[in-house]
Protein backbone atom coordinates (compact mmCIF):
# COMPACT_ATOMS: atom_id res chain seq x y z
CA MET A 1 12.34 -17.31 -24.19
CA LEU A 2 8.81 -19.06 -24.30
CA ASP A 3 9.79 -20.85 -21.45
CA LYS A 4 10.21 -17.83 -19.55
CA ALA A 5 6.73 -16.78 -20.38
CA LYS A 6 5.31 -19.60 -18.90
CA ARG A 7 6.47 -19.52 -15.62
CA ILE A 8 5.59 -15.94 -15.78
CA GLN A 9 2.60 -16.86 -16.75
CA ALA A 10 2.06 -19.61 -14.13
CA PHE A 11 3.40 -17.21 -11.31
CA LEU A 12 0.72 -14.10 -12.33
CA VAL A 13 -2.13 -17.20 -12.34
CA ILE A 14 -1.23 -18.34 -8.72
CA ARG A 15 -1.17 -14.79 -7.52
CA GLY A 16 -3.92 -13.88 -9.15
CA ILE A 17 -5.91 -17.12 -7.95
CA LEU A 18 -4.40 -16.46 -4.38
CA ALA A 19 -6.27 -13.01 -4.16
CA LEU A 20 -9.69 -13.97 -5.51
CA ILE A 21 -8.98 -16.91 -2.89
CA PHE A 22 -8.41 -14.03 -0.04
CA GLY A 23 -10.56 -11.66 -1.21
CA VAL A 24 -13.44 -13.96 -1.63
CA LEU A 25 -12.81 -15.07 2.24
CA VAL A 26 -12.22 -11.53 3.75
CA LEU A 27 -15.71 -10.75 2.37
CA SER A 28 -17.27 -13.80 3.34
CA LEU A 29 -15.82 -13.85 7.20
CA PRO A 30 -17.47 -12.04 10.11
CA PRO A 31 -16.46 -8.81 9.52
CA ALA A 32 -15.15 -8.86 13.65
CA THR A 33 -12.97 -12.05 12.74
CA VAL A 34 -11.21 -9.86 9.79
CA ALA A 35 -10.90 -6.90 12.03
CA ALA A 36 -9.12 -9.44 14.80
CA SER A 37 -6.64 -10.18 12.10
CA LEU A 38 -6.58 -6.32 11.19
CA ILE A 39 -4.95 -5.40 14.20
CA MET A 40 -1.89 -7.62 14.08
CA VAL A 41 -1.09 -6.56 10.51
CA PHE A 42 -1.69 -3.02 11.34
CA ALA A 43 0.76 -3.24 14.23
CA ILE A 44 3.47 -4.76 11.90
CA PHE A 45 2.88 -2.35 8.87
CA ALA A 46 3.10 0.56 11.19
CA ILE A 47 6.35 -0.20 12.86
CA VAL A 48 7.82 -1.13 9.55
CA ASP A 49 6.85 1.69 7.90
CA GLY A 50 7.51 3.93 11.14
CA THR A 51 11.15 2.35 10.59
CA LEU A 52 11.35 3.28 7.21
CA ALA A 53 10.25 6.54 7.81
CA VAL A 54 12.83 7.39 10.92
CA ILE A 55 16.14 5.60 8.89
CA GLY A 56 14.39 8.38 5.91
CA ALA A 57 14.42 11.15 8.20
CA LEU A 58 17.76 10.39 9.64
CA ALA A 59 19.64 9.84 5.92
CA SER A 60 18.19 13.26 5.15
CA SER A 61 18.62 15.27 7.62
CA SER A 62 21.70 17.09 6.22
CA THR A 63 19.87 17.69 2.94
CA TYR A 64 16.30 18.87 3.90
CA GLU A 65 15.98 21.34 7.15
CA ASP A 66 12.44 20.38 8.15
CA TRP A 67 13.90 16.19 7.98
CA TRP A 68 12.33 16.51 11.77
CA LEU A 69 9.02 15.54 10.54
CA LEU A 70 9.26 12.57 8.93
CA LEU A 71 11.10 11.74 12.00
CA LEU A 72 8.21 12.70 14.21
CA ALA A 73 5.81 10.65 12.02
CA GLY A 74 7.58 7.77 11.93
CA GLY A 75 8.27 7.60 15.86
CA LEU A 76 4.71 7.63 16.04
CA GLY A 77 4.32 5.23 13.80
CA ILE A 78 6.30 2.92 15.85
CA ILE A 79 5.28 3.85 19.22
CA ILE A 80 0.98 2.93 18.05
CA GLY A 81 2.43 -0.24 16.47
CA VAL A 82 4.35 -1.30 19.52
CA PHE A 83 1.10 -0.38 21.92
CA THR A 84 -1.08 -2.09 19.17
CA LEU A 85 1.22 -5.40 19.40
CA ALA A 86 1.47 -5.25 23.21
CA ARG A 87 -2.28 -4.64 23.45
CA PRO A 88 -4.10 -7.22 21.05
CA GLY A 89 -7.08 -7.03 22.85
CA VAL A 90 -7.51 -3.12 21.47
CA THR A 91 -10.96 -3.26 19.94
CA ALA A 92 -11.61 -2.94 15.71
CA ILE A 93 -12.91 0.72 16.41
CA VAL A 94 -9.83 1.73 18.20
CA LEU A 95 -7.78 0.49 15.20
CA VAL A 96 -10.00 1.88 13.02
CA MET A 97 -8.99 5.09 15.17
CA TYR A 98 -5.74 4.83 15.28
CA ILE A 99 -5.30 4.21 11.67
CA GLY A 100 -7.48 7.53 11.04
CA LEU A 101 -5.26 9.00 13.47
CA ARG A 102 -2.30 7.82 11.79
CA ALA A 103 -3.75 8.89 7.93
CA LEU A 104 -4.47 12.51 9.53
CA LEU A 105 -1.24 13.25 11.23
CA MET A 106 0.83 11.87 7.77
CA GLY A 107 -1.77 13.69 5.32
CA VAL A 108 -0.48 17.15 7.56
CA MET A 109 3.04 16.09 7.13
CA GLU A 110 2.90 14.94 3.55
CA ILE A 111 1.11 18.74 2.62
CA ALA A 112 3.95 20.31 4.78
CA PHE A 113 6.77 17.91 3.17
CA ALA A 114 5.22 19.49 -0.33
CA VAL A 115 5.31 22.82 0.64
CA ARG A 116 8.68 22.99 1.77
CA ILE A 117 10.24 20.99 -1.03
CA ARG A 118 7.92 23.06 -4.12
CA LYS A 119 10.92 25.04 -5.19
CA HIS A 120 13.16 21.49 -5.54
CA ILE A 121 10.77 19.63 -7.20
CA GLU A 122 7.73 18.97 -10.09
CA GLY A 123 4.61 17.71 -9.33
CA GLU A 124 4.57 18.71 -5.83
CA TRP A 125 0.83 19.24 -6.33
CA LEU A 126 0.48 15.03 -6.27
CA TYR A 127 2.02 15.15 -2.68
CA ILE A 128 -0.41 17.83 -1.64
CA LEU A 129 -3.40 15.82 -3.14
CA ALA A 130 -2.22 12.96 -1.47
CA GLY A 131 -1.92 14.49 1.84
CA GLY A 132 -5.61 16.17 1.12
CA LEU A 133 -6.64 12.55 0.74
CA SER A 134 -5.14 10.83 3.66
CA LEU A 135 -6.71 13.87 5.50
CA LEU A 136 -10.12 12.88 4.49
CA PHE A 137 -9.20 9.04 4.88
CA GLY A 138 -8.37 10.46 8.44
CA LEU A 139 -10.88 12.24 9.16
CA ALA A 140 -13.83 9.97 7.58
CA LEU A 141 -12.92 6.95 9.86
CA VAL A 142 -12.08 9.36 13.36
CA VAL A 143 -15.64 10.41 12.84
CA TYR A 144 -17.44 6.79 11.67
CA PRO A 145 -15.23 4.68 13.59
CA ILE A 146 -17.78 1.81 13.50
CA GLU A 147 -18.50 2.34 9.84
CA GLY A 148 -14.22 2.52 9.42
CA VAL A 149 -13.92 -0.79 10.47
CA LEU A 150 -16.93 -2.50 7.78
CA ALA A 151 -15.42 -0.46 5.53
CA VAL A 152 -12.16 -1.49 5.78
CA VAL A 153 -12.64 -4.86 5.55
CA TRP A 154 -14.77 -4.27 2.45
CA LEU A 155 -12.15 -2.25 0.52
CA ILE A 156 -9.56 -4.82 1.38
CA GLY A 157 -11.94 -7.68 -0.30
CA ILE A 158 -12.82 -5.45 -3.21
CA TYR A 159 -9.22 -4.46 -3.79
CA ALA A 160 -7.94 -8.18 -3.41
CA ILE A 161 -10.41 -9.61 -5.54
CA ALA A 162 -9.75 -6.82 -8.54
CA GLY A 163 -6.05 -7.68 -8.43
CA GLY A 164 -6.38 -11.35 -8.52
CA VAL A 165 -8.48 -10.67 -11.37
CA MET A 166 -5.73 -7.81 -12.98
CA GLN A 167 -3.27 -10.70 -12.13
CA ILE A 168 -4.77 -13.25 -14.15
CA VAL A 169 -5.38 -10.79 -17.00
CA LEU A 170 -1.65 -9.88 -17.09
CA ALA A 171 -1.36 -13.52 -17.39
CA GLY A 172 -2.81 -13.89 -20.21
CA GLN A 173 -1.06 -10.91 -22.01
CA VAL A 174 2.16 -12.78 -20.98
CA HIS A 175 2.31 -14.52 -24.13
CA HIS A 176 1.90 -12.00 -26.83
CA TRP A 177 4.57 -9.56 -25.26
CA VAL A 178 7.01 -12.45 -25.48
CA ARG A 179 5.93 -13.29 -29.20
CA ARG A 180 6.23 -9.71 -30.03
CA MET A 181 9.62 -9.41 -28.86
CA ASP A 182 10.90 -12.78 -30.06
CA GLU A 183 9.80 -11.30 -33.81
CA ARG A 184 11.58 -7.75 -33.11
CA GLN A 185 14.45 -9.68 -31.91
CA LYS A 186 14.46 -11.90 -35.38
CA PRO A 187 16.75 -10.42 -38.20
CA PRO A 188 15.00 -9.28 -41.08
CA MET A 189 14.52 -11.77 -43.82
CA GLY A 190 17.53 -11.41 -46.45
CA LYS A 191 19.89 -10.40 -44.12
CA LEU A 192 22.29 -12.91 -42.56
CA ALA A 193 23.41 -11.75 -38.65
């Protein structure tokens, strides 16, 4: 069990260090360089996310009446992703506008979905809250696209650094978790297995 814990610790430390390096690079490179890379990452993300949304919509078409909302959102995501890949010279400001418009559309879809399924699930307010946050985020990017480029770059860097620190902290906790699990699995003194 300790060998497995050491492998997990090593994996978490490596992931943490890589995330820290990535975060520091993002924050130290010129925002234009990072934004150019974001164009390709966003395009791939939009295509994958859109494809998954389309698959989910088609899979739920017999279950939910408003499956077409998810299909529409997924289709738009795919179109935006393909357009971005086909035109890699798109500026970072236009990319931020794409991200903002997509967030606005997803916010509307999330709120509509939550309202439609509120009779079938508990905690629909979380979907509504997520949709509201998407709407606010999208609106901020559409209204302030230049600041949006810098904000997205900084958020990615800060997120990567925070994630790296958390991975390293978790690595330090693995040994303690494994020791506690071993102690729980040992038979009490005086009893033979």
